[in-house]
Amino acid sequence: MTPTLDLITTQAPWIQTLMGLTAMALLAYALRLVIHVLLLRGFGHWLQSMPGHWMQVLLSRPVLARLEKLTPSLVIQLTVGLVPHLPATAEVVIRNVAAAVTVLHLVRVLMAMLDALQGAHENGVATLAQPTRSIKSHVQLAKLGLVLLGGIVVVATLIDRSPLILLSGLGAMSA
């Protein structure tokens, strides 16, 4: 074994757990910075050179900025099981909270896509003719549905239950 690994494994279990959690958090945010550079700087420039307008609209800078925020919670979900001496209940809680944050950020990505779609429609980027009808009410309705559905999935994830069970409970309470 290497001297560094011996130093880590000879520590008290709580120190190993603390070191594992710290390493997990540092990895999550380091990967977020890498994804930030890849999405906003690399992919963003490539996207601007594409001939079609719809991809530029749906994957605009605000959408990519929201998309990069998914990275830390995904990394935490995948690596929390690798933390040594972490109690099972703490692992489940951390994983559920990270999954709820992932759902929250995914809803925010979809809402940013809807905003970009509405902005493109209002500016007439996607069509040659000036739009005759506004899609603002449809976008707002879709956002409301996303927020409601996202909220139900977040709560269901936090309490570690199926969203269908939560919906059936809400239906029974309203009856």
N, C-alpha and C. Protein backbone atom coordinates (compact mmCIF):
# COMPACT_ATOMS: atom_id res chain seq x y z
N MET A 1 0.84 -1.19 0.00
CA MET A 1 0.00 0.00 0.00
C MET A 1 0.87 1.25 0.00
N THR A 2 0.27 2.31 -0.50
CA THR A 2 1.00 3.58 -0.53
C THR A 2 0.92 4.23 0.85
N PRO A 3 1.89 5.06 1.18
CA PRO A 3 1.86 5.73 2.50
C PRO A 3 0.64 6.62 2.68
N THR A 4 0.15 7.24 1.62
CA THR A 4 -1.03 8.11 1.74
C THR A 4 -2.27 7.29 2.08
N LEU A 5 -2.43 6.14 1.43
CA LEU A 5 -3.58 5.29 1.70
C LEU A 5 -3.51 4.72 3.11
N ASP A 6 -2.31 4.38 3.57
CA ASP A 6 -2.15 3.90 4.94
C ASP A 6 -2.53 4.98 5.94
N LEU A 7 -2.19 6.22 5.63
CA LEU A 7 -2.53 7.33 6.52
C LEU A 7 -4.04 7.50 6.64
N ILE A 8 -4.74 7.30 5.53
CA ILE A 8 -6.20 7.46 5.54
C ILE A 8 -6.86 6.29 6.26
N THR A 9 -6.44 5.08 5.98
CA THR A 9 -7.11 3.91 6.56
C THR A 9 -6.81 3.72 8.03
N THR A 10 -5.78 4.35 8.56
CA THR A 10 -5.48 4.21 9.98
C THR A 10 -6.21 5.25 10.83
N GLN A 11 -6.92 6.16 10.20
CA GLN A 11 -7.66 7.19 10.94
C GLN A 11 -8.93 6.59 11.55
N ALA A 12 -9.49 7.33 12.47
CA ALA A 12 -10.76 6.93 13.09
C ALA A 12 -11.86 6.91 12.03
N PRO A 13 -12.88 6.06 12.21
CA PRO A 13 -13.94 5.96 11.20
C PRO A 13 -14.64 7.29 10.91
N TRP A 14 -14.87 8.12 11.91
CA TRP A 14 -15.55 9.37 11.66
C TRP A 14 -14.69 10.32 10.84
N ILE A 15 -13.37 10.25 10.99
CA ILE A 15 -12.48 11.07 10.18
C ILE A 15 -12.49 10.59 8.73
N GLN A 16 -12.53 9.26 8.54
CA GLN A 16 -12.62 8.71 7.20
C GLN A 16 -13.92 9.15 6.51
N THR A 17 -15.01 9.13 7.29
CA THR A 17 -16.30 9.57 6.74
C THR A 17 -16.25 11.05 6.36
N LEU A 18 -15.70 11.86 7.24
CA LEU A 18 -15.58 13.29 6.97
C LEU A 18 -14.71 13.55 5.75
N MET A 19 -13.62 12.81 5.63
CA MET A 19 -12.74 12.96 4.47
C MET A 19 -13.45 12.52 3.19
N GLY A 20 -14.23 11.45 3.27
CA GLY A 20 -14.98 10.98 2.11
C GLY A 20 -16.04 11.98 1.67
N LEU A 21 -16.76 12.55 2.63
CA LEU A 21 -17.78 13.56 2.30
C LEU A 21 -17.14 14.81 1.70
N THR A 22 -16.01 15.21 2.24
CA THR A 22 -15.30 16.38 1.71
C THR A 22 -14.82 16.11 0.29
N ALA A 23 -14.26 14.92 0.06
CA ALA A 23 -13.79 14.57 -1.27
C ALA A 23 -14.95 14.52 -2.26
N MET A 24 -16.10 14.01 -1.81
CA MET A 24 -17.28 13.94 -2.67
C MET A 24 -17.75 15.34 -3.06
N ALA A 25 -17.79 16.24 -2.09
CA ALA A 25 -18.23 17.61 -2.37
C ALA A 25 -17.25 18.33 -3.30
N LEU A 26 -15.96 18.14 -3.06
CA LEU A 26 -14.96 18.77 -3.93
C LEU A 26 -15.04 18.22 -5.35
N LEU A 27 -15.24 16.92 -5.48
CA LEU A 27 -15.37 16.31 -6.80
C LEU A 27 -16.61 16.85 -7.52
N ALA A 28 -17.71 16.98 -6.79
CA ALA A 28 -18.95 17.46 -7.39
C ALA A 28 -18.78 18.87 -7.95
N TYR A 29 -18.17 19.75 -7.20
CA TYR A 29 -18.04 21.12 -7.68
C TYR A 29 -16.90 21.29 -8.67
N ALA A 30 -15.88 20.44 -8.60
CA ALA A 30 -14.84 20.48 -9.63
C ALA A 30 -15.41 20.03 -10.98
N LEU A 31 -16.25 18.99 -10.96
CA LEU A 31 -16.88 18.55 -12.20
C LEU A 31 -17.87 19.58 -12.72
N ARG A 32 -18.50 20.33 -11.82
CA ARG A 32 -19.39 21.40 -12.28
C ARG A 32 -18.61 22.46 -13.05
N LEU A 33 -17.42 22.79 -12.57
CA LEU A 33 -16.61 23.76 -13.28
C LEU A 33 -16.19 23.23 -14.65
N VAL A 34 -15.84 21.95 -14.71
CA VAL A 34 -15.47 21.34 -16.00
C VAL A 34 -16.66 21.37 -16.96
N ILE A 35 -17.82 21.00 -16.46
CA ILE A 35 -19.03 21.01 -17.30
C ILE A 35 -19.38 22.43 -17.72
N HIS A 36 -19.15 23.40 -16.83
CA HIS A 36 -19.38 24.81 -17.17
C HIS A 36 -18.53 25.21 -18.37
N VAL A 37 -17.27 24.86 -18.31
CA VAL A 37 -16.36 25.22 -19.42
C VAL A 37 -16.79 24.51 -20.70
N LEU A 38 -17.13 23.23 -20.58
CA LEU A 38 -17.52 22.48 -21.77
C LEU A 38 -18.83 22.97 -22.37
N LEU A 39 -19.83 23.20 -21.53
CA LEU A 39 -21.15 23.60 -22.05
C LEU A 39 -21.17 25.04 -22.53
N LEU A 40 -20.78 25.95 -21.67
CA LEU A 40 -20.95 27.36 -22.01
C LEU A 40 -19.88 27.88 -22.96
N ARG A 41 -18.69 27.38 -22.84
CA ARG A 41 -17.63 27.91 -23.71
C ARG A 41 -17.46 27.06 -24.96
N GLY A 42 -17.35 25.75 -24.80
CA GLY A 42 -17.13 24.88 -25.95
C GLY A 42 -18.39 24.62 -26.74
N PHE A 43 -19.39 24.08 -26.09
CA PHE A 43 -20.63 23.71 -26.75
C PHE A 43 -21.40 24.94 -27.20
N GLY A 44 -21.32 26.02 -26.42
CA GLY A 44 -22.02 27.25 -26.76
C GLY A 44 -21.51 27.85 -28.07
N HIS A 45 -20.19 27.84 -28.28
CA HIS A 45 -19.64 28.37 -29.53
C HIS A 45 -20.00 27.48 -30.71
N TRP A 46 -19.96 26.18 -30.50
CA TRP A 46 -20.33 25.25 -31.55
C TRP A 46 -21.80 25.42 -31.92
N LEU A 47 -22.64 25.65 -30.92
CA LEU A 47 -24.07 25.79 -31.14
C LEU A 47 -24.37 27.04 -31.97
N GLN A 48 -23.62 28.11 -31.74
CA GLN A 48 -23.85 29.36 -32.49
C GLN A 48 -23.53 29.20 -33.97
N SER A 49 -22.65 28.27 -34.31
CA SER A 49 -22.28 28.08 -35.70
C SER A 49 -23.23 27.15 -36.45
N MET A 50 -24.20 26.55 -35.74
CA MET A 50 -25.15 25.65 -36.39
C MET A 50 -26.11 26.44 -37.27
N PRO A 51 -26.52 25.87 -38.41
CA PRO A 51 -27.40 26.62 -39.31
C PRO A 51 -28.84 26.74 -38.82
N GLY A 52 -29.36 25.77 -38.09
CA GLY A 52 -30.75 25.81 -37.64
C GLY A 52 -30.94 26.71 -36.44
N HIS A 53 -32.09 27.37 -36.40
CA HIS A 53 -32.36 28.29 -35.28
C HIS A 53 -32.96 27.58 -34.07
N TRP A 54 -33.64 26.48 -34.29
CA TRP A 54 -34.33 25.84 -33.16
C TRP A 54 -33.35 25.30 -32.12
N MET A 55 -32.24 24.73 -32.57
CA MET A 55 -31.26 24.24 -31.60
C MET A 55 -30.64 25.40 -30.83
N GLN A 56 -30.42 26.52 -31.51
CA GLN A 56 -29.89 27.69 -30.84
C GLN A 56 -30.87 28.24 -29.82
N VAL A 57 -32.14 28.14 -30.12
CA VAL A 57 -33.17 28.63 -29.20
C VAL A 57 -33.30 27.69 -28.00
N LEU A 58 -33.44 26.39 -28.26
CA LEU A 58 -33.68 25.45 -27.18
C LEU A 58 -32.45 25.21 -26.31
N LEU A 59 -31.26 25.40 -26.87
CA LEU A 59 -30.04 25.23 -26.08
C LEU A 59 -29.30 26.56 -25.97
N SER A 60 -30.02 27.60 -25.62
CA SER A 60 -29.43 28.92 -25.47
C SER A 60 -28.58 28.97 -24.20
N ARG A 61 -27.91 30.09 -24.01
CA ARG A 61 -27.01 30.23 -22.84
C ARG A 61 -27.73 30.04 -21.50
N PRO A 62 -28.92 30.62 -21.30
CA PRO A 62 -29.59 30.39 -20.01
C PRO A 62 -29.94 28.91 -19.78
N VAL A 63 -30.29 28.21 -20.86
CA VAL A 63 -30.61 26.78 -20.72
C VAL A 63 -29.36 26.01 -20.36
N LEU A 64 -28.26 26.30 -21.03
CA LEU A 64 -27.00 25.60 -20.72
C LEU A 64 -26.51 25.94 -19.32
N ALA A 65 -26.73 27.17 -18.88
CA ALA A 65 -26.33 27.55 -17.52
C ALA A 65 -27.14 26.78 -16.48
N ARG A 66 -28.41 26.57 -16.75
CA ARG A 66 -29.23 25.76 -15.84
C ARG A 66 -28.83 24.29 -15.90
N LEU A 67 -28.46 23.84 -17.09
CA LEU A 67 -28.10 22.44 -17.27
C LEU A 67 -26.83 22.07 -16.52
N GLU A 68 -25.90 22.99 -16.43
CA GLU A 68 -24.66 22.71 -15.72
C GLU A 68 -24.89 22.51 -14.21
N LYS A 69 -25.97 23.08 -13.69
CA LYS A 69 -26.24 22.97 -12.26
C LYS A 69 -26.73 21.58 -11.87
N LEU A 70 -27.00 20.73 -12.83
CA LEU A 70 -27.37 19.34 -12.54
C LEU A 70 -26.17 18.51 -12.06
N THR A 71 -24.98 18.92 -12.46
CA THR A 71 -23.79 18.10 -12.24
C THR A 71 -23.52 17.76 -10.78
N PRO A 72 -23.47 18.73 -9.85
CA PRO A 72 -23.14 18.35 -8.47
C PRO A 72 -24.10 17.34 -7.85
N SER A 73 -25.38 17.52 -8.08
CA SER A 73 -26.32 16.58 -7.46
C SER A 73 -26.21 15.19 -8.08
N LEU A 74 -25.93 15.12 -9.37
CA LEU A 74 -25.74 13.81 -10.00
C LEU A 74 -24.48 13.12 -9.47
N VAL A 75 -23.42 13.89 -9.31
CA VAL A 75 -22.17 13.32 -8.77
C VAL A 75 -22.39 12.83 -7.34
N ILE A 76 -23.11 13.59 -6.55
CA ILE A 76 -23.36 13.19 -5.16
C ILE A 76 -24.21 11.92 -5.12
N GLN A 77 -25.21 11.83 -6.00
CA GLN A 77 -26.03 10.61 -6.04
C GLN A 77 -25.19 9.39 -6.36
N LEU A 78 -24.25 9.54 -7.27
CA LEU A 78 -23.44 8.41 -7.71
C LEU A 78 -22.33 8.04 -6.75
N THR A 79 -21.81 9.00 -5.99
CA THR A 79 -20.64 8.73 -5.16
C THR A 79 -20.93 8.61 -3.67
N VAL A 80 -22.14 8.87 -3.23
CA VAL A 80 -22.42 8.82 -1.79
C VAL A 80 -22.23 7.41 -1.24
N GLY A 81 -22.43 6.40 -2.05
CA GLY A 81 -22.24 5.03 -1.60
C GLY A 81 -20.78 4.66 -1.40
N LEU A 82 -19.87 5.46 -1.91
CA LEU A 82 -18.44 5.18 -1.78
C LEU A 82 -17.82 5.77 -0.52
N VAL A 83 -18.57 6.59 0.22
CA VAL A 83 -18.05 7.22 1.43
C VAL A 83 -17.92 6.15 2.51
N PRO A 84 -16.73 5.98 3.08
CA PRO A 84 -16.54 4.93 4.08
C PRO A 84 -17.22 5.25 5.41
N HIS A 85 -17.75 4.23 6.02
CA HIS A 85 -18.35 4.29 7.37
C HIS A 85 -19.53 5.25 7.47
N LEU A 86 -20.18 5.56 6.36
CA LEU A 86 -21.36 6.42 6.39
C LEU A 86 -22.56 5.55 6.74
N PRO A 87 -23.33 5.92 7.77
CA PRO A 87 -24.50 5.11 8.13
C PRO A 87 -25.49 5.02 6.97
N ALA A 88 -26.20 3.92 6.91
CA ALA A 88 -27.13 3.67 5.80
C ALA A 88 -28.23 4.72 5.73
N THR A 89 -28.73 5.14 6.88
CA THR A 89 -29.79 6.16 6.87
C THR A 89 -29.27 7.49 6.34
N ALA A 90 -28.05 7.85 6.70
CA ALA A 90 -27.46 9.10 6.19
C ALA A 90 -27.24 9.00 4.69
N GLU A 91 -26.84 7.83 4.22
CA GLU A 91 -26.64 7.64 2.79
C GLU A 91 -27.96 7.79 2.02
N VAL A 92 -29.04 7.22 2.57
CA VAL A 92 -30.35 7.33 1.92
C VAL A 92 -30.82 8.77 1.91
N VAL A 93 -30.65 9.47 3.02
CA VAL A 93 -31.08 10.87 3.11
C VAL A 93 -30.30 11.73 2.13
N ILE A 94 -28.99 11.56 2.08
CA ILE A 94 -28.17 12.35 1.16
C ILE A 94 -28.55 12.05 -0.28
N ARG A 95 -28.75 10.78 -0.59
CA ARG A 95 -29.11 10.40 -1.96
C ARG A 95 -30.49 10.96 -2.34
N ASN A 96 -31.45 10.91 -1.41
CA ASN A 96 -32.79 11.44 -1.69
C ASN A 96 -32.79 12.95 -1.88
N VAL A 97 -32.03 13.65 -1.05
CA VAL A 97 -31.95 15.11 -1.18
C VAL A 97 -31.26 15.47 -2.50
N ALA A 98 -30.21 14.75 -2.86
CA ALA A 98 -29.53 15.00 -4.13
C ALA A 98 -30.46 14.71 -5.31
N ALA A 99 -31.26 13.66 -5.21
CA ALA A 99 -32.22 13.35 -6.28
C ALA A 99 -33.29 14.43 -6.38
N ALA A 100 -33.74 14.95 -5.25
CA ALA A 100 -34.73 16.03 -5.26
C ALA A 100 -34.14 17.29 -5.88
N VAL A 101 -32.91 17.59 -5.58
CA VAL A 101 -32.25 18.76 -6.17
C VAL A 101 -32.08 18.56 -7.68
N THR A 102 -31.79 17.33 -8.09
CA THR A 102 -31.67 17.03 -9.52
C THR A 102 -33.00 17.29 -10.23
N VAL A 103 -34.09 16.84 -9.64
CA VAL A 103 -35.42 17.07 -10.23
C VAL A 103 -35.71 18.56 -10.29
N LEU A 104 -35.38 19.28 -9.22
CA LEU A 104 -35.60 20.73 -9.20
C LEU A 104 -34.84 21.42 -10.33
N HIS A 105 -33.58 21.06 -10.50
CA HIS A 105 -32.80 21.69 -11.57
C HIS A 105 -33.28 21.26 -12.95
N LEU A 106 -33.75 20.04 -13.08
CA LEU A 106 -34.30 19.58 -14.36
C LEU A 106 -35.55 20.38 -14.72
N VAL A 107 -36.40 20.64 -13.74
CA VAL A 107 -37.59 21.47 -13.97
C VAL A 107 -37.17 22.88 -14.38
N ARG A 108 -36.12 23.40 -13.75
CA ARG A 108 -35.64 24.73 -14.11
C ARG A 108 -35.06 24.77 -15.52
N VAL A 109 -34.42 23.68 -15.95
CA VAL A 109 -33.91 23.60 -17.32
C VAL A 109 -35.09 23.64 -18.31
N LEU A 110 -36.12 22.86 -18.02
CA LEU A 110 -37.29 22.83 -18.91
C LEU A 110 -37.99 24.19 -18.94
N MET A 111 -38.04 24.87 -17.81
CA MET A 111 -38.65 26.20 -17.78
C MET A 111 -37.81 27.21 -18.57
N ALA A 112 -36.50 27.09 -18.49
CA ALA A 112 -35.63 27.97 -19.29
C ALA A 112 -35.82 27.70 -20.78
N MET A 113 -36.03 26.43 -21.15
CA MET A 113 -36.31 26.11 -22.56
C MET A 113 -37.62 26.76 -23.00
N LEU A 114 -38.63 26.71 -22.14
CA LEU A 114 -39.91 27.35 -22.48
C LEU A 114 -39.75 28.86 -22.62
N ASP A 115 -38.95 29.47 -21.74
CA ASP A 115 -38.69 30.91 -21.85
C ASP A 115 -37.99 31.24 -23.16
N ALA A 116 -37.02 30.42 -23.53
CA ALA A 116 -36.30 30.65 -24.79
C ALA A 116 -37.23 30.49 -25.98
N LEU A 117 -38.11 29.51 -25.91
CA LEU A 117 -39.08 29.29 -26.99
C LEU A 117 -40.02 30.49 -27.12
N GLN A 118 -40.48 30.99 -25.99
CA GLN A 118 -41.37 32.15 -26.00
C GLN A 118 -40.64 33.38 -26.53
N GLY A 119 -39.40 33.57 -26.10
CA GLY A 119 -38.63 34.71 -26.58
C GLY A 119 -38.39 34.65 -28.08
N ALA A 120 -38.10 33.47 -28.59
CA ALA A 120 -37.89 33.31 -30.03
C ALA A 120 -39.17 33.56 -30.80
N HIS A 121 -40.29 33.12 -30.23
CA HIS A 121 -41.57 33.35 -30.91
C HIS A 121 -41.91 34.83 -30.94
N GLU A 122 -41.66 35.53 -29.84
CA GLU A 122 -41.96 36.96 -29.79
C GLU A 122 -41.05 37.76 -30.71
N ASN A 123 -39.80 37.32 -30.86
CA ASN A 123 -38.86 38.04 -31.72
C ASN A 123 -38.97 37.62 -33.18
N GLY A 124 -39.71 36.57 -33.46
CA GLY A 124 -39.87 36.13 -34.83
C GLY A 124 -38.65 35.43 -35.39
N VAL A 125 -37.79 34.89 -34.52
CA VAL A 125 -36.57 34.23 -34.98
C VAL A 125 -36.89 32.92 -35.68
N ALA A 126 -37.84 32.18 -35.19
CA ALA A 126 -38.09 30.84 -35.69
C ALA A 126 -38.90 30.81 -36.98
N THR A 127 -39.62 31.87 -37.26
CA THR A 127 -40.45 31.87 -38.47
C THR A 127 -40.09 33.06 -39.33
N LEU A 128 -40.42 32.96 -40.61
CA LEU A 128 -40.14 34.06 -41.52
C LEU A 128 -41.17 35.16 -41.38
N ALA A 129 -42.42 34.79 -41.18
CA ALA A 129 -43.48 35.78 -41.03
C ALA A 129 -43.61 36.18 -39.56
N GLN A 130 -44.14 37.34 -39.35
CA GLN A 130 -44.37 37.81 -37.98
C GLN A 130 -45.47 36.96 -37.35
N PRO A 131 -45.25 36.46 -36.12
CA PRO A 131 -46.30 35.64 -35.50
C PRO A 131 -47.56 36.45 -35.24
N THR A 132 -48.70 35.82 -35.46
CA THR A 132 -49.97 36.53 -35.30
C THR A 132 -50.59 36.28 -33.93
N ARG A 133 -50.25 35.18 -33.30
CA ARG A 133 -50.82 34.87 -32.00
C ARG A 133 -49.70 34.70 -30.97
N SER A 134 -49.99 35.12 -29.78
CA SER A 134 -49.03 34.99 -28.70
C SER A 134 -49.12 33.60 -28.08
N ILE A 135 -47.98 33.07 -27.71
CA ILE A 135 -47.96 31.76 -27.05
C ILE A 135 -47.67 31.91 -25.56
N LYS A 136 -47.72 33.15 -25.08
CA LYS A 136 -47.36 33.42 -23.69
C LYS A 136 -48.25 32.66 -22.72
N SER A 137 -49.54 32.62 -22.96
CA SER A 137 -50.44 31.92 -22.04
C SER A 137 -50.19 30.42 -22.05
N HIS A 138 -49.86 29.87 -23.22
CA HIS A 138 -49.55 28.44 -23.31
C HIS A 138 -48.26 28.12 -22.57
N VAL A 139 -47.27 29.00 -22.70
CA VAL A 139 -46.00 28.80 -22.01
C VAL A 139 -46.21 28.89 -20.51
N GLN A 140 -47.00 29.85 -20.06
CA GLN A 140 -47.27 29.99 -18.63
C GLN A 140 -48.02 28.78 -18.09
N LEU A 141 -48.95 28.27 -18.85
CA LEU A 141 -49.67 27.07 -18.44
C LEU A 141 -48.73 25.87 -18.36
N ALA A 142 -47.87 25.74 -19.34
CA ALA A 142 -46.89 24.65 -19.31
C ALA A 142 -45.94 24.79 -18.12
N LYS A 143 -45.52 26.00 -17.81
CA LYS A 143 -44.66 26.23 -16.65
C LYS A 143 -45.37 25.87 -15.35
N LEU A 144 -46.64 26.25 -15.26
CA LEU A 144 -47.41 25.91 -14.07
C LEU A 144 -47.50 24.39 -13.91
N GLY A 145 -47.78 23.69 -15.00
CA GLY A 145 -47.83 22.23 -14.95
C GLY A 145 -46.49 21.63 -14.57
N LEU A 146 -45.40 22.18 -15.11
CA LEU A 146 -44.07 21.70 -14.76
C LEU A 146 -43.76 21.89 -13.29
N VAL A 147 -44.10 23.06 -12.77
CA VAL A 147 -43.83 23.35 -11.35
C VAL A 147 -44.65 22.42 -10.46
N LEU A 148 -45.91 22.22 -10.78
CA LEU A 148 -46.75 21.33 -9.97
C LEU A 148 -46.24 19.89 -10.03
N LEU A 149 -45.96 19.42 -11.23
CA LEU A 149 -45.46 18.06 -11.38
C LEU A 149 -44.09 17.90 -10.73
N GLY A 150 -43.23 18.89 -10.93
CA GLY A 150 -41.91 18.86 -10.30
C GLY A 150 -41.99 18.89 -8.79
N GLY A 151 -42.90 19.69 -8.25
CA GLY A 151 -43.07 19.74 -6.79
C GLY A 151 -43.52 18.40 -6.23
N ILE A 152 -44.43 17.75 -6.93
CA ILE A 152 -44.90 16.43 -6.47
C ILE A 152 -43.76 15.41 -6.52
N VAL A 153 -42.98 15.44 -7.59
CA VAL A 153 -41.86 14.50 -7.70
C VAL A 153 -40.78 14.80 -6.65
N VAL A 154 -40.52 16.07 -6.37
CA VAL A 154 -39.53 16.43 -5.35
C VAL A 154 -39.98 15.93 -3.98
N VAL A 155 -41.23 16.18 -3.62
CA VAL A 155 -41.72 15.72 -2.32
C VAL A 155 -41.71 14.20 -2.25
N ALA A 156 -42.12 13.54 -3.33
CA ALA A 156 -42.11 12.08 -3.34
C ALA A 156 -40.69 11.53 -3.22
N THR A 157 -39.74 12.21 -3.83
CA THR A 157 -38.34 11.77 -3.73
C THR A 157 -37.82 11.97 -2.32
N LEU A 158 -38.17 13.08 -1.71
CA LEU A 158 -37.69 13.35 -0.35
C LEU A 158 -38.24 12.34 0.67
N ILE A 159 -39.50 11.95 0.50
CA ILE A 159 -40.08 11.00 1.45
C ILE A 159 -39.90 9.56 1.00
N ASP A 160 -39.20 9.37 -0.12
CA ASP A 160 -38.85 8.04 -0.65
C ASP A 160 -40.10 7.20 -0.93
N ARG A 161 -41.05 7.81 -1.58
CA ARG A 161 -42.28 7.13 -1.99
C ARG A 161 -42.53 7.38 -3.47
N SER A 162 -43.42 6.62 -4.05
CA SER A 162 -43.78 6.80 -5.45
C SER A 162 -44.63 8.06 -5.60
N PRO A 163 -44.42 8.84 -6.66
CA PRO A 163 -45.27 10.00 -6.88
C PRO A 163 -46.74 9.62 -7.09
N LEU A 164 -46.99 8.42 -7.59
CA LEU A 164 -48.38 7.98 -7.79
C LEU A 164 -49.09 7.79 -6.45
N ILE A 165 -48.37 7.29 -5.46
CA ILE A 165 -48.96 7.15 -4.12
C ILE A 165 -49.29 8.52 -3.56
N LEU A 166 -48.39 9.47 -3.78
CA LEU A 166 -48.62 10.84 -3.29
C LEU A 166 -49.82 11.46 -4.00
N LEU A 167 -49.94 11.25 -5.31
CA LEU A 167 -51.08 11.78 -6.05
C LEU A 167 -52.38 11.14 -5.62
N SER A 168 -52.36 9.84 -5.37
CA SER A 168 -53.60 9.19 -4.92
C SER A 168 -53.99 9.69 -3.53
N GLY A 169 -53.02 9.96 -2.69
CA GLY A 169 -53.31 10.53 -1.38
C GLY A 169 -53.89 11.92 -1.48
N LEU A 170 -53.37 12.72 -2.41
CA LEU A 170 -53.92 14.07 -2.62
C LEU A 170 -55.35 13.98 -3.17
N GLY A 171 -55.59 13.02 -4.05
CA GLY A 171 -56.94 12.83 -4.59
C GLY A 171 -57.91 12.40 -3.52
N ALA A 172 -57.47 11.53 -2.60
CA ALA A 172 -58.34 11.08 -1.51
C ALA A 172 -58.64 12.22 -0.54
N MET A 173 -57.66 13.10 -0.33
CA MET A 173 -57.88 14.22 0.59
C MET A 173 -58.85 15.24 0.00
N SER A 174 -58.84 15.39 -1.32
CA SER A 174 -59.73 16.37 -1.92
C SER A 174 -61.17 15.88 -2.05
N ALA A 175 -61.37 14.57 -1.95
CA ALA A 175 -62.71 14.02 -2.10
C ALA A 175 -63.55 14.21 -0.87
